[in-house]
PDB file of N, CA and C in Angstrom:
ATOM      1  N   MET A   1     108.075  49.499 159.683  1.00  0.00           N
ATOM      2  CA  MET A   1     108.417  50.865 159.366  1.00  0.00           C
ATOM      3  C   MET A   1     109.018  50.963 157.971  1.00  0.00           C
ATOM      4  N   LEU A   2     109.842  50.003 157.642  1.00  0.00           N
ATOM      5  CA  LEU A   2     110.486  50.007 156.335  1.00  0.00           C
ATOM      6  C   LEU A   2     109.462  49.839 155.225  1.00  0.00           C
ATOM      7  N   ASN A   3     108.461  48.984 155.459  1.00  0.00           N
ATOM      8  CA  ASN A   3     107.424  48.784 154.452  1.00  0.00           C
ATOM      9  C   ASN A   3     106.605  50.046 154.235  1.00  0.00           C
ATOM     10  N   SER A   4     106.325  50.771 155.299  1.00  0.00           N
ATOM     11  CA  SER A   4     105.542  51.994 155.160  1.00  0.00           C
ATOM     12  C   SER A   4     106.347  53.071 154.421  1.00  0.00           C
ATOM     13  N   LEU A   5     107.666  53.107 154.650  1.00  0.00           N
ATOM     14  CA  LEU A   5     108.502  54.050 153.915  1.00  0.00           C
ATOM     15  C   LEU A   5     108.560  53.692 152.435  1.00  0.00           C
ATOM     16  N   GLN A   6     108.692  52.405 152.150  1.00  0.00           N
ATOM     17  CA  GLN A   6     108.717  51.981 150.750  1.00  0.00           C
ATOM     18  C   GLN A   6     107.373  52.257 150.079  1.00  0.00           C
ATOM     19  N   ALA A   7     106.306  52.045 150.786  1.00  0.00           N
ATOM     20  CA  ALA A   7     104.973  52.297 150.234  1.00  0.00           C
ATOM     21  C   ALA A   7     104.788  53.793 149.970  1.00  0.00           C
ATOM     22  N   ARG A   8     105.227  54.618 150.896  1.00  0.00           N
ATOM     23  CA  ARG A   8     105.133  56.072 150.707  1.00  0.00           C
ATOM     24  C   ARG A   8     105.993  56.510 149.528  1.00  0.00           C
ATOM     25  N   ARG A   9     107.180  55.928 149.425  1.00  0.00           N
ATOM     26  CA  ARG A   9     108.079  56.260 148.323  1.00  0.00           C
ATOM     27  C   ARG A   9     107.440  55.888 146.988  1.00  0.00           C
ATOM     28  N   GLN A  10     106.859  54.698 146.885  1.00  0.00           N
ATOM     29  CA  GLN A  10     106.206  54.257 145.658  1.00  0.00           C
ATOM     30  C   GLN A  10     105.010  55.152 145.323  1.00  0.00           C
ATOM     31  N   ALA A  11     104.295  55.553 146.359  1.00  0.00           N
ATOM     32  CA  ALA A  11     103.155  56.451 146.135  1.00  0.00           C
ATOM     33  C   ALA A  11     103.630  57.805 145.610  1.00  0.00           C
ATOM     34  N   LEU A  12     104.719  58.304 146.183  1.00  0.00           N
ATOM     35  CA  LEU A  12     105.270  59.587 145.723  1.00  0.00           C
ATOM     36  C   LEU A  12     105.804  59.482 144.296  1.00  0.00           C
ATOM     37  N   VAL A  13     106.457  58.391 143.955  1.00  0.00           N
ATOM     38  CA  VAL A  13     106.967  58.185 142.592  1.00  0.00           C
ATOM     39  C   VAL A  13     105.799  58.123 141.614  1.00  0.00           C
ATOM     40  N   ALA A  14     104.732  57.395 141.972  1.00  0.00           N
ATOM     41  CA  ALA A  14     103.559  57.292 141.103  1.00  0.00           C
ATOM     42  C   ALA A  14     102.895  58.662 140.931  1.00  0.00           C
ATOM     43  N   GLU A  15     102.807  59.411 142.023  1.00  0.00           N
ATOM     44  CA  GLU A  15     102.221  60.750 141.957  1.00  0.00           C
ATOM     45  C   GLU A  15     103.083  61.674 141.088  1.00  0.00           C
ATOM     46  N   SER A  16     104.388  61.558 141.227  1.00  0.00           N
ATOM     47  CA  SER A  16     105.302  62.364 140.429  1.00  0.00           C
ATOM     48  C   SER A  16     105.154  62.045 138.942  1.00  0.00           C
ATOM     49  N   ASP A  17     105.044  60.757 138.599  1.00  0.00           N
ATOM     50  CA  ASP A  17     104.849  60.364 137.205  1.00  0.00           C
ATOM     51  C   ASP A  17     103.535  60.930 136.656  1.00  0.00           C
ATOM     52  N   LEU A  18     102.509  60.887 137.481  1.00  0.00           N
ATOM     53  CA  LEU A  18     101.212  61.428 137.074  1.00  0.00           C
ATOM     54  C   LEU A  18     101.317  62.927 136.799  1.00  0.00           C
ATOM     55  N   HIS A  19     102.007  63.638 137.677  1.00  0.00           N
ATOM     56  CA  HIS A  19     102.187  65.086 137.493  1.00  0.00           C
ATOM     57  C   HIS A  19     103.000  65.387 136.232  1.00  0.00           C
ATOM     58  N   ARG A  20     104.019  64.561 135.951  1.00  0.00           N
ATOM     59  CA  ARG A  20     104.811  64.756 134.732  1.00  0.00           C
ATOM     60  C   ARG A  20     103.935  64.601 133.489  1.00  0.00           C
ATOM     61  N   GLU A  21     103.096  63.585 133.486  1.00  0.00           N
ATOM     62  CA  GLU A  21     102.209  63.367 132.338  1.00  0.00           C
ATOM     63  C   GLU A  21     101.209  64.506 132.189  1.00  0.00           C
ATOM     64  N   GLU A  22     100.648  64.971 133.302  1.00  0.00           N
ATOM     65  CA  GLU A  22      99.720  66.099 133.250  1.00  0.00           C
ATOM     66  C   GLU A  22     100.421  67.353 132.749  1.00  0.00           C
ATOM     67  N   MET A  23     101.655  67.563 133.207  1.00  0.00           N
ATOM     68  CA  MET A  23     102.411  68.740 132.756  1.00  0.00           C
ATOM     69  C   MET A  23     102.696  68.660 131.263  1.00  0.00           C
ATOM     70  N   ALA A  24     103.034  67.477 130.775  1.00  0.00           N
ATOM     71  CA  ALA A  24     103.292  67.314 129.341  1.00  0.00           C
ATOM     72  C   ALA A  24     102.034  67.614 128.531  1.00  0.00           C
ATOM     73  N   LEU A  25     100.877  67.156 128.996  1.00  0.00           N
ATOM     74  CA  LEU A  25      99.624  67.442 128.294  1.00  0.00           C
ATOM     75  C   LEU A  25      99.290  68.929 128.338  1.00  0.00           C
ATOM     76  N   GLU A  26      99.483  69.555 129.495  1.00  0.00           N
ATOM     77  CA  GLU A  26      99.227  70.992 129.608  1.00  0.00           C
ATOM     78  C   GLU A  26     100.183  71.796 128.743  1.00  0.00           C
ATOM     79  N   TRP A  27     101.440  71.353 128.640  1.00  0.00           N
ATOM     80  CA  TRP A  27     102.422  72.045 127.808  1.00  0.00           C
ATOM     81  C   TRP A  27     102.007  71.977 126.333  1.00  0.00           C
ATOM     82  N   GLU A  28     101.539  70.819 125.877  1.00  0.00           N
ATOM     83  CA  GLU A  28     101.075  70.683 124.495  1.00  0.00           C
ATOM     84  C   GLU A  28      99.867  71.586 124.246  1.00  0.00           C
ATOM     85  N   ALA A  29      98.942  71.616 125.206  1.00  0.00           N
ATOM     86  CA  ALA A  29      97.766  72.484 125.068  1.00  0.00           C
ATOM     87  C   ALA A  29      98.193  73.954 125.021  1.00  0.00           C
ATOM     88  N   PHE A  30      99.163  74.318 125.836  1.00  0.00           N
ATOM     89  CA  PHE A  30      99.675  75.687 125.844  1.00  0.00           C
ATOM     90  C   PHE A  30     100.308  76.041 124.499  1.00  0.00           C
ATOM     91  N   LYS A  31     101.109  75.120 123.939  1.00  0.00           N
ATOM     92  CA  LYS A  31     101.751  75.384 122.649  1.00  0.00           C
ATOM     93  C   LYS A  31     100.714  75.581 121.548  1.00  0.00           C
ATOM     94  N   HIS A  32      99.680  74.757 121.541  1.00  0.00           N
ATOM     95  CA  HIS A  32      98.630  74.908 120.531  1.00  0.00           C
ATOM     96  C   HIS A  32      97.878  76.226 120.701  1.00  0.00           C
ATOM     97  N   GLU A  33      97.601  76.582 121.924  1.00  0.00           N
ATOM     98  CA  GLU A  33      96.897  77.844 122.187  1.00  0.00           C
ATOM     99  C   GLU A  33      97.763  79.043 121.798  1.00  0.00           C
ATOM    100  N   ALA A  34      99.051  78.980 122.114  1.00  0.00           N
ATOM    101  CA  ALA A  34      99.963  80.068 121.740  1.00  0.00           C
ATOM    102  C   ALA A  34     100.043  80.209 120.223  1.00  0.00           C
ATOM    103  N   ALA A  35     100.080  79.101 119.515  1.00  0.00           N
ATOM    104  CA  ALA A  35     100.113  79.151 118.050  1.00  0.00           C
ATOM    105  C   ALA A  35      98.810  79.735 117.510  1.00  0.00           C
ATOM    106  N   ARG A  36      97.694  79.384 118.127  1.00  0.00           N
ATOM    107  CA  ARG A  36      96.398  79.899 117.690  1.00  0.00           C
ATOM    108  C   ARG A  36      96.303  81.408 117.895  1.00  0.00           C
ATOM    109  N   VAL A  37      96.854  81.897 118.988  1.00  0.00           N
ATOM    110  CA  VAL A  37      96.823  83.327 119.287  1.00  0.00           C
ATOM    111  C   VAL A  37      97.844  84.083 118.429  1.00  0.00           C
ATOM    112  N   ALA A  38      98.969  83.469 118.144  1.00  0.00           N
ATOM    113  CA  ALA A  38     100.033  84.155 117.402  1.00  0.00           C
ATOM    114  C   ALA A  38      99.681  84.365 115.936  1.00  0.00           C
ATOM    115  N   THR A  39      98.878  83.498 115.361  1.00  0.00           N
ATOM    116  CA  THR A  39      98.561  83.623 113.936  1.00  0.00           C
ATOM    117  C   THR A  39      97.862  84.946 113.609  1.00  0.00           C
ATOM    118  N   PRO A  40      96.807  85.345 114.313  1.00  0.00           N
ATOM    119  CA  PRO A  40      96.207  86.647 114.002  1.00  0.00           C
ATOM    120  C   PRO A  40      97.156  87.818 114.270  1.00  0.00           C
ATOM    121  N   ALA A  41      98.002  87.683 115.275  1.00  0.00           N
ATOM    122  CA  ALA A  41      98.962  88.760 115.563  1.00  0.00           C
ATOM    123  C   ALA A  41      99.954  88.907 114.412  1.00  0.00           C
ATOM    124  N   ARG A  42     100.392  87.792 113.845  1.00  0.00           N
ATOM    125  CA  ARG A  42     101.293  87.865 112.690  1.00  0.00           C
ATOM    126  C   ARG A  42     100.600  88.507 111.497  1.00  0.00           C
ATOM    127  N   LYS A  43      99.344  88.124 111.275  1.00  0.00           N
ATOM    128  CA  LYS A  43      98.602  88.710 110.160  1.00  0.00           C
ATOM    129  C   LYS A  43      98.420  90.208 110.353  1.00  0.00           C
ATOM    130  N   ALA A  44      98.101  90.616 111.577  1.00  0.00           N
ATOM    131  CA  ALA A  44      97.932  92.047 111.863  1.00  0.00           C
ATOM    132  C   ALA A  44      99.244  92.787 111.638  1.00  0.00           C
ATOM    133  N   GLY A  45     100.351  92.192 112.061  1.00  0.00           N
ATOM    134  CA  GLY A  45     101.656  92.811 111.824  1.00  0.00           C
ATOM    135  C   GLY A  45     101.946  92.955 110.350  1.00  0.00           C
ATOM    136  N   HIS A  46     101.566  91.946 109.565  1.00  0.00           N
ATOM    137  CA  HIS A  46     101.781  92.014 108.113  1.00  0.00           C
ATOM    138  C   HIS A  46     100.959  93.154 107.503  1.00  0.00           C
ATOM    139  N   PHE A  47      99.680  93.249 107.913  1.00  0.00           N
ATOM    140  CA  PHE A  47      98.834  94.306 107.365  1.00  0.00           C
ATOM    141  C   PHE A  47      99.312  95.688 107.802  1.00  0.00           C
ATOM    142  N   LEU A  48      99.762  95.821 109.036  1.00  0.00           N
ATOM    143  CA  LEU A  48     100.294  97.110 109.485  1.00  0.00           C
ATOM    144  C   LEU A  48     101.545  97.488 108.712  1.00  0.00           C
ATOM    145  N   SER A  49     102.401  96.518 108.452  1.00  0.00           N
ATOM    146  CA  SER A  49     103.612  96.774 107.680  1.00  0.00           C
ATOM    147  C   SER A  49     103.267  97.223 106.263  1.00  0.00           C
ATOM    148  N   MET A  50     102.333  96.515 105.634  1.00  0.00           N
ATOM    149  CA  MET A  50     101.933  96.896 104.281  1.00  0.00           C
ATOM    150  C   MET A  50     101.271  98.271 104.279  1.00  0.00           C
ATOM    151  N   GLY A  51     100.489  98.568 105.297  1.00  0.00           N
ATOM    152  CA  GLY A  51      99.860  99.882 105.395  1.00  0.00           C
ATOM    153  C   GLY A  51     100.881 100.992 105.548  1.00  0.00           C
ATOM    154  N   ALA A  52     101.889 100.750 106.358  1.00  0.00           N
ATOM    155  CA  ALA A  52     102.942 101.755 106.537  1.00  0.00           C
ATOM    156  C   ALA A  52     103.685 101.986 105.226  1.00  0.00           C
ATOM    157  N   LYS A  53     103.940 100.917 104.487  1.00  0.00           N
ATOM    158  CA  LYS A  53     104.616 101.074 103.191  1.00  0.00           C
ATOM    159  C   LYS A  53     103.736 101.852 102.216  1.00  0.00           C
ATOM    160  N   ALA A  54     102.441 101.551 102.216  1.00  0.00           N
ATOM    161  CA  ALA A  54     101.525 102.249 101.315  1.00  0.00           C
ATOM    162  C   ALA A  54     101.453 103.735 101.658  1.00  0.00           C
ATOM    163  N   ILE A  55     101.427 104.052 102.935  1.00  0.00           N
ATOM    164  CA  ILE A  55     101.415 105.458 103.344  1.00  0.00           C
ATOM    165  C   ILE A  55     102.711 106.137 102.923  1.00  0.00           C
ATOM    166  N   GLY A  56     103.828 105.434 103.058  1.00  0.00           N
ATOM    167  CA  GLY A  56     105.111 105.994 102.613  1.00  0.00           C
ATOM    168  C   GLY A  56     105.122 106.282 101.130  1.00  0.00           C
ATOM    169  N   ILE A  57     104.573 105.364 100.350  1.00  0.00           N
ATOM    170  CA  ILE A  57     104.503 105.591  98.898  1.00  0.00           C
ATOM    171  C   ILE A  57     103.604 106.784  98.597  1.00  0.00           C
ATOM    172  N   PHE A  58     102.453 106.829  99.268  1.00  0.00           N
ATOM    173  CA  PHE A  58     101.534 107.944  99.043  1.00  0.00           C
ATOM    174  C   PHE A  58     102.207 109.282  99.353  1.00  0.00           C
ATOM    175  N   LEU A  59     102.900 109.365 100.481  1.00  0.00           N
ATOM    176  CA  LEU A  59     103.556 110.622 100.852  1.00  0.00           C
ATOM    177  C   LEU A  59     104.679 110.979  99.882  1.00  0.00           C
ATOM    178  N   ALA A  60     105.429 109.970  99.440  1.00  0.00           N
ATOM    179  CA  ALA A  60     106.509 110.239  98.489  1.00  0.00           C
ATOM    180  C   ALA A  60     105.944 110.720  97.150  1.00  0.00           C
ATOM    181  N   LEU A  61     104.898 110.083  96.670  1.00  0.00           N
ATOM    182  CA  LEU A  61     104.301 110.507  95.399  1.00  0.00           C
ATOM    183  C   LEU A  61     103.634 111.869  95.530  1.00  0.00           C
ATOM    184  N   ARG A  62     103.062 112.140  96.696  1.00  0.00           N
ATOM    185  CA  ARG A  62     102.465 113.458  96.911  1.00  0.00           C
ATOM    186  C   ARG A  62     103.536 114.552  96.852  1.00  0.00           C
ATOM    187  N   ARG A  63     104.693 114.247  97.428  1.00  0.00           N
ATOM    188  CA  ARG A  63     105.798 115.197  97.390  1.00  0.00           C
ATOM    189  C   ARG A  63     106.269 115.426  95.946  1.00  0.00           C
ATOM    190  N   VAL A  64     106.336 114.345  95.182  1.00  0.00           N
ATOM    191  CA  VAL A  64     106.735 114.462  93.771  1.00  0.00           C
ATOM    192  C   VAL A  64     105.692 115.267  93.015  1.00  0.00           C
ATOM    193  N   TRP A  65     104.405 114.981  93.255  1.00  0.00           N
ATOM    194  CA  TRP A  65     103.337 115.679  92.562  1.00  0.00           C
ATOM    195  C   TRP A  65     103.349 117.173  92.891  1.00  0.00           C
ATOM    196  N   ALA A  66     103.534 117.504  94.172  1.00  0.00           N
ATOM    197  CA  ALA A  66     103.558 118.916  94.579  1.00  0.00           C
ATOM    198  C   ALA A  66     104.793 119.615  94.037  1.00  0.00           C
ATOM    199  N   GLY A  67     105.903 118.914  93.956  1.00  0.00           N
ATOM    200  CA  GLY A  67     107.136 119.526  93.463  1.00  0.00           C
ATOM    201  C   GLY A  67     107.172 119.683  91.963  1.00  0.00           C
ATOM    202  N   SER A  68     106.272 119.025  91.255  1.00  0.00           N
ATOM    203  CA  SER A  68     106.292 119.112  89.801  1.00  0.00           C
ATOM    204  C   SER A  68     105.600 120.365  89.286  1.00  0.00           C
ATOM    205  N   ARG A  69     104.846 121.044  90.107  1.00  0.00           N
ATOM    206  CA  ARG A  69     104.172 122.281  89.677  1.00  0.00           C
ATOM    207  C   ARG A  69     105.092 123.466  89.913  1.00  0.00           C
ATOM    208  N   GLY A  70     105.113 124.351  88.983  1.00  0.00           N
ATOM    209  CA  GLY A  70     105.900 125.576  89.127  1.00  0.00           C
ATOM    210  C   GLY A  70     107.385 125.315  89.116  1.00  0.00           C
ATOM    211  N   ALA A  71     107.832 124.490  88.180  1.00  0.00           N
ATOM    212  CA  ALA A  71     109.255 124.189  88.081  1.00  0.00           C
ATOM    213  C   ALA A  71     110.029 125.439  87.704  1.00  0.00           C
ATOM    214  N   LYS A  72     111.303 125.414  87.922  1.00  0.00           N
ATOM    215  CA  LYS A  72     112.156 126.566  87.605  1.00  0.00           C
ATOM    216  C   LYS A  72     112.049 126.892  86.116  1.00  0.00           C
ATOM    217  N   GLY A  73     111.945 128.161  85.843  1.00  0.00           N
ATOM    218  CA  GLY A  73     111.905 128.601  84.454  1.00  0.00           C
ATOM    219  C   GLY A  73     110.519 128.532  83.838  1.00  0.00           C
ATOM    220  N   ASP A  74     109.529 128.112  84.580  1.00  0.00           N
ATOM    221  CA  ASP A  74     108.162 128.041  84.053  1.00  0.00           C
ATOM    222  C   ASP A  74     107.318 129.096  84.755  1.00  0.00           C
ATOM    223  N   PRO A  75     107.095 130.248  84.124  1.00  0.00           N
ATOM    224  CA  PRO A  75     106.375 131.339  84.787  1.00  0.00           C
ATOM    225  C   PRO A  75     104.895 131.043  85.004  1.00  0.00           C
ATOM    226  N   ASN A  76     104.300 130.137  84.229  1.00  0.00           N
ATOM    227  CA  ASN A  76     102.868 129.848  84.367  1.00  0.00           C
ATOM    228  C   ASN A  76     102.577 128.843  85.467  1.00  0.00           C
ATOM    229  N   GLY A  77     103.577 128.183  85.979  1.00  0.00           N
ATOM    230  CA  GLY A  77     103.374 127.197  87.032  1.00  0.00           C
ATOM    231  C   GLY A  77     102.737 125.919  86.525  1.00  0.00           C
ATOM    232  N   LYS A  78     102.936 125.614  85.247  1.00  0.00           N
ATOM    233  CA  LYS A  78     102.357 124.387  84.692  1.00  0.00           C
ATOM    234  C   LYS A  78     103.145 123.173  85.161  1.00  0.00           C
ATOM    235  N   ARG A  79     102.456 122.086  85.167  1.00  0.00           N
ATOM    236  CA  ARG A  79     103.059 120.831  85.609  1.00  0.00           C
ATOM    237  C   ARG A  79     103.900 120.244  84.477  1.00  0.00           C
ATOM    238  N   ASN A  80     105.106 119.824  84.822  1.00  0.00           N
ATOM    239  CA  ASN A  80     105.975 119.158  83.864  1.00  0.00           C
ATOM    240  C   ASN A  80     105.723 117.654  84.004  1.00  0.00           C
ATOM    241  N   TRP A  81     104.926 117.088  83.109  1.00  0.00           N
ATOM    242  CA  TRP A  81     104.499 115.696  83.227  1.00  0.00           C
ATOM    243  C   TRP A  81     105.653 114.723  83.091  1.00  0.00           C
ATOM    244  N   PHE A  82     106.585 115.039  82.202  1.00  0.00           N
ATOM    245  CA  PHE A  82     107.715 114.119  82.032  1.00  0.00           C
ATOM    246  C   PHE A  82     108.554 114.062  83.306  1.00  0.00           C
ATOM    247  N   ALA A  83     108.820 115.226  83.909  1.00  0.00           N
ATOM    248  CA  ALA A  83     109.596 115.267  85.149  1.00  0.00           C
ATOM    249  C   ALA A  83     108.840 114.560  86.271  1.00  0.00           C
ATOM    250  N   THR A  84     107.514 114.722  86.296  1.00  0.00           N
ATOM    251  CA  THR A  84     106.709 114.044  87.305  1.00  0.00           C
ATOM    252  C   THR A  84     106.816 112.533  87.158  1.00  0.00           C
ATOM    253  N   LEU A  85     106.714 112.031  85.930  1.00  0.00           N
ATOM    254  CA  LEU A  85     106.833 110.598  85.690  1.00  0.00           C
ATOM    255  C   LEU A  85     108.214 110.070  86.059  1.00  0.00           C
ATOM    256  N   VAL A  86     109.246 110.835  85.727  1.00  0.00           N
ATOM    257  CA  VAL A  86     110.611 110.409  86.061  1.00  0.00           C
ATOM    258  C   VAL A  86     110.790 110.346  87.576  1.00  0.00           C
ATOM    259  N   HIS A  87     110.316 111.352  88.273  1.00  0.00           N
ATOM    260  CA  HIS A  87     110.438 111.347  89.737  1.00  0.00           C
ATOM    261  C   HIS A  87     109.618 110.210  90.355  1.00  0.00           C
ATOM    262  N   ALA A  88     108.418 109.981  89.837  1.00  0.00           N
ATOM    263  CA  ALA A  88     107.608 108.882  90.345  1.00  0.00           C
ATOM    264  C   ALA A  88     108.282 107.539  90.094  1.00  0.00           C
ATOM    265  N   ALA A  89     108.912 107.384  88.946  1.00  0.00           N
ATOM    266  CA  ALA A  89     109.639 106.148  88.655  1.00  0.00           C
ATOM    267  C   ALA A  89     110.806 105.975  89.617  1.00  0.00           C
ATOM    268  N   ARG A  90     111.492 107.052  89.934  1.00  0.00           N
ATOM    269  CA  ARG A  90     112.599 106.978  90.913  1.00  0.00           C
ATOM    270  C   ARG A  90     112.076 106.521  92.278  1.00  0.00           C
ATOM    271  N   VAL A  91     110.939 107.072  92.686  1.00  0.00           N
ATOM    272  CA  VAL A  91     110.349 106.668  93.967  1.00  0.00           C
ATOM    273  C   VAL A  91     110.004 105.187  93.924  1.00  0.00           C
ATOM    274  N   GLY A  92     109.397 104.760  92.810  1.00  0.00           N
ATOM    275  CA  GLY A  92     109.025 103.351  92.681  1.00  0.00           C
ATOM    276  C   GLY A  92     110.224 102.427  92.723  1.00  0.00           C
ATOM    277  N   VAL A  93     111.290 102.813  92.053  1.00  0.00           N
ATOM    278  CA  VAL A  93     112.501 101.980  92.039  1.00  0.00           C
ATOM    279  C   VAL A  93     113.132 101.935  93.421  1.00  0.00           C
ATOM    280  N   SER A  94     113.120 103.048  94.130  1.00  0.00           N
ATOM    281  CA  SER A  94     113.732 103.056  95.463  1.00  0.00           C
ATOM    282  C   SER A  94     112.914 102.246  96.471  1.00  0.00           C
ATOM    283  N   LEU A  95     111.592 102.156  96.273  1.00  0.00           N
ATOM    284  CA  LEU A  95     110.747 101.406  97.195  1.00  0.00           C
ATOM    285  C   LEU A  95     110.533  99.951  96.777  1.00  0.00           C
ATOM    286  N   TRP A  96     110.939  99.607  95.575  1.00  0.00           N
ATOM    287  CA  TRP A  96     110.727  98.247  95.079  1.00  0.00           C
ATOM    288  C   TRP A  96     111.309  97.163  95.990  1.00  0.00           C
ATOM    289  N   PRO A  97     112.539  97.304  96.524  1.00  0.00           N
ATOM    290  CA  PRO A  97     113.070  96.239  97.391  1.00  0.00           C
ATOM    291  C   PRO A  97     112.206  95.977  98.618  1.00  0.00           C
ATOM    292  N   ALA A  98     111.575  97.000  99.164  1.00  0.00           N
ATOM    293  CA  ALA A  98     110.745  96.807 100.349  1.00  0.00           C
ATOM    294  C   ALA A  98     109.532  95.931 100.035  1.00  0.00           C
ATOM    295  N   PHE A  99     108.931  96.123  98.869  1.00  0.00           N
ATOM    296  CA  PHE A  99     107.777  95.318  98.503  1.00  0.00           C
ATOM    297  C   PHE A  99     108.176  93.973  97.923  1.00  0.00           C
ATOM    298  N   ARG A 100     109.295  93.912  97.291  1.00  0.00           N
ATOM    299  CA  ARG A 100     109.749  92.663  96.686  1.00  0.00           C
ATOM    300  C   ARG A 100     109.975  91.594  97.743  1.00  0.00           C
ATOM    301  N   SER A 101     110.507  91.980  98.903  1.00  0.00           N
ATOM    302  CA  SER A 101     110.789  90.997  99.952  1.00  0.00           C
ATOM    303  C   SER A 101     109.504  90.382 100.498  1.00  0.00           C
ATOM    304  N   THR A 102     108.390  91.111 100.489  1.00  0.00           N
ATOM    305  CA  THR A 102     107.147  90.557 101.021  1.00  0.00           C
ATOM    306  C   THR A 102     106.372  89.766  99.974  1.00  0.00           C
ATOM    307  N   MET A 103     106.704  89.911  98.708  1.00  0.00           N
ATOM    308  CA  MET A 103     105.982  89.208  97.663  1.00  0.00           C
ATOM    309  C   MET A 103     106.417  87.755  97.533  1.00  0.00           C
ATOM    310  N   ARG A 104     107.556  87.422  98.005  1.00  0.00           N
ATOM    311  CA  ARG A 104     108.080  86.067  97.846  1.00  0.00           C
ATOM    312  C   ARG A 104     107.440  85.100  98.774  1.00  0.00           C
TER     313      ARG A 104
END
């Protein structure tokens, strides 16, 4: 009886070691697969972030462009190009830190 218990115990230990090795191999395969899947998701996130920033710049410049026509004191509603450039430069300076962090 003792020999059969020892034999069963050794068989269970061997089976347990086999399962540990299989689990380690499956874990490595899982890590590689997760890394493979995460790379396109990171790239998509980067492109979405850049797109959102570009849309923000477009909307800010559109607001500056629309606000530059018909300035106070101008009865003809002509565009003040110098004021437009100054406002656009302000927008660019305020948005520069957002783009600078992604350029590095």
